[in-house]
Amino acid sequence: MAVAMMLNNALSLGQHREWKQTTVEWSGAQAGDRALDVCCGSGDLTFGLAEAVGPTGEVVGLDFAAEMLEEAANEQRRREGRVGPR
């Protein structure tokens, strides 16, 4: 498990998952929409938005930290079944 995820779990007592889902819901993203996740980190919100906009939509995750973008890319590959679980 990535350090950032462990820290999120510890600091929020696991609530961060609910907060992220609520954020996606409040965004109002719908099928076919386009979205930008600025400072996407490991991509949790980016992936939630991608589910909301579906295959006809588009979501871009942007982060100034190359390491975080790599973490998001690894998660995307894991979700696509190209790598094993962490």
Protein backbone atom coordinates (compact mmCIF):
# COMPACT_ATOMS: atom_id res chain seq x y z
CA MET A 1 0.00 0.00 0.00
CA ALA A 2 1.37 3.41 -0.93
CA VAL A 3 2.47 5.71 1.87
CA ALA A 4 -0.04 8.40 0.83
CA MET A 5 -2.90 5.90 1.03
CA MET A 6 -1.77 4.70 4.45
CA LEU A 7 -1.56 8.30 5.64
CA ASN A 8 -5.03 9.09 4.25
CA ASN A 9 -6.44 6.05 6.02
CA ALA A 10 -4.81 6.95 9.33
CA LEU A 11 -5.63 10.65 9.32
CA SER A 12 -9.23 10.29 8.18
CA LEU A 13 -9.99 6.96 9.89
CA GLY A 14 -10.88 5.64 6.44
CA GLN A 15 -13.40 8.41 5.72
CA HIS A 16 -11.39 9.73 2.77
CA ARG A 17 -13.07 7.19 0.51
CA GLU A 18 -16.51 8.61 1.32
CA TRP A 19 -15.23 12.18 0.89
CA LYS A 20 -13.86 11.36 -2.55
CA GLN A 21 -17.11 9.70 -3.65
CA THR A 22 -19.08 12.70 -2.38
CA THR A 23 -16.75 15.05 -4.27
CA VAL A 24 -17.38 13.15 -7.51
CA GLU A 25 -21.14 13.31 -6.89
CA TRP A 26 -21.03 17.05 -6.12
CA SER A 27 -19.04 17.69 -9.30
CA GLY A 28 -22.15 16.88 -11.30
CA ALA A 29 -20.09 14.94 -13.85
CA GLN A 30 -22.34 12.97 -16.19
CA ALA A 31 -21.93 10.60 -19.09
CA GLY A 32 -20.13 12.27 -21.97
CA ASP A 33 -18.75 15.16 -19.90
CA ARG A 34 -15.14 16.34 -19.81
CA ALA A 35 -13.34 16.88 -16.49
CA LEU A 36 -9.95 18.03 -15.25
CA ASP A 37 -8.53 16.83 -11.92
CA VAL A 38 -5.85 19.36 -10.93
CA CYS A 39 -3.27 18.06 -8.44
CA CYS A 40 -4.67 14.58 -9.00
CA GLY A 41 -2.15 12.83 -6.79
CA SER A 42 -2.60 9.07 -7.04
CA GLY A 43 -5.70 9.55 -9.19
CA ASP A 44 -8.52 8.51 -6.86
CA LEU A 45 -10.79 11.40 -7.88
CA THR A 46 -9.68 11.07 -11.50
CA PHE A 47 -10.84 7.45 -11.58
CA GLY A 48 -14.10 8.35 -9.85
CA LEU A 49 -14.75 11.07 -12.40
CA ALA A 50 -13.88 8.66 -15.21
CA GLU A 51 -16.57 6.27 -13.94
CA ALA A 52 -19.06 9.14 -13.84
CA VAL A 53 -18.38 10.36 -17.39
CA GLY A 54 -18.18 6.85 -18.83
CA PRO A 55 -16.60 5.77 -22.10
CA THR A 56 -18.02 8.75 -24.03
CA GLY A 57 -16.47 11.27 -21.63
CA GLU A 58 -12.93 12.37 -20.99
CA VAL A 59 -11.01 13.00 -17.77
CA VAL A 60 -7.49 14.38 -17.49
CA GLY A 61 -5.46 14.07 -14.30
CA LEU A 62 -2.81 16.76 -13.83
CA ASP A 63 -0.12 16.93 -11.15
CA PHE A 64 3.16 18.81 -10.82
CA ALA A 65 4.79 15.84 -9.07
CA ALA A 66 5.99 13.24 -11.57
CA GLU A 67 6.02 10.60 -8.81
CA MET A 68 2.30 11.09 -8.19
CA LEU A 69 1.54 10.81 -11.90
CA GLU A 70 3.50 7.57 -11.97
CA GLU A 71 1.45 6.32 -9.01
CA ALA A 72 -1.75 7.19 -10.88
CA ALA A 73 -0.46 5.46 -14.02
CA ASN A 74 0.35 2.34 -11.99
CA GLU A 75 -3.15 2.37 -10.52
CA GLN A 76 -4.65 2.73 -14.00
CA ARG A 77 -2.67 -0.27 -15.21
CA ARG A 78 -3.77 -2.24 -12.14
CA ARG A 79 -7.41 -1.36 -12.78
CA GLU A 80 -7.07 -2.44 -16.40
CA GLY A 81 -5.72 -5.80 -15.25
CA ARG A 82 -2.24 -5.21 -16.63
CA VAL A 83 -0.50 -5.59 -13.25
CA GLY A 84 -1.25 -7.47 -10.06
CA PRO A 85 -2.80 -5.93 -6.96
CA ARG A 86 -0.63 -3.85 -4.64
